[in-house]
Every structure is written in structure tokens, then in C-alpha cells.
């Protein structure tokens, strides 16, 4: 399991944190967060990207987006959740594979490198933690 935690700095509404190097399939993502105060109205958005090794801190150059969760934070008990991100399987030409010429076949994301947790629309002091369940190679 890989833990990535981000705390929004004073005066900021966004933040990013890189993981350790991951080599394997991401089977699930658990999100846990806390607001700065119980009355916080922070409605943060959470994204997880596989980063390009040559530009490991530039989201615009990310290899792929693994997870995109919007408007977390209004009700912590409702939003601390587990997600199972999947990507369409592809053949050797990069074409998505289907089992009946219509419905795609999905599988877990395979990552060889670092993953970035990106948090936006948050309040200073908000903590967002994700736990990646990884089947390592």
C-alpha cells in the first residue's frame, strides 16, 4: 500500500504531492480527508496522475490521469470512500479492445514511476490522504 498525503499551505487553495516510485497495478484508491474546521465549506477536487519521469512535477505532461474526483469535502463521512479506477484494455496498435465489438474491456492502471496527488478548490490546512492498493511487480 502506498500513502500520499497533501496539506494545503496557508494562503493557498491548491496543492500537489508526489508518491514514492510505484511499479505495479493500482487495484484501489482510498480517500480520507479532513477539513480545517468542522464548519469548513471546502469542496475540494482530487486528481491522481501518473507522472512523466522527465517532467515529474508538471501535470500538463502527465502520462495519464488515474482518478478524478470532484467536490469532496462537504460531508466527510460521505466522501471518505474507496474507488477502483480502470482503463480500457488495448491491443498492440493502441486500439481499445472490446468483447462484442461494442463494450470495452477494462483493467487496472499499470504504473511504472511516481504518482501525483493534486488537490484544488480546498482551504488552507485541509488534509487530503489517499492510499493506493498496489499489486507490485
Foldseek 3Di string as FASTA:
>chain_A
DWKWKDAAAPPDFKDKTKTFWAFFFFFKKWKAKDAPDPPDPQQKKKWKFQADVVCRPDPVRTPGTQDTGGGPDRDRVVRRGMGGTWDFDADPVRHGDDPPVPHTDIDTDGHGTMMMMMMGSGHHGMMMMMDTDGDGD
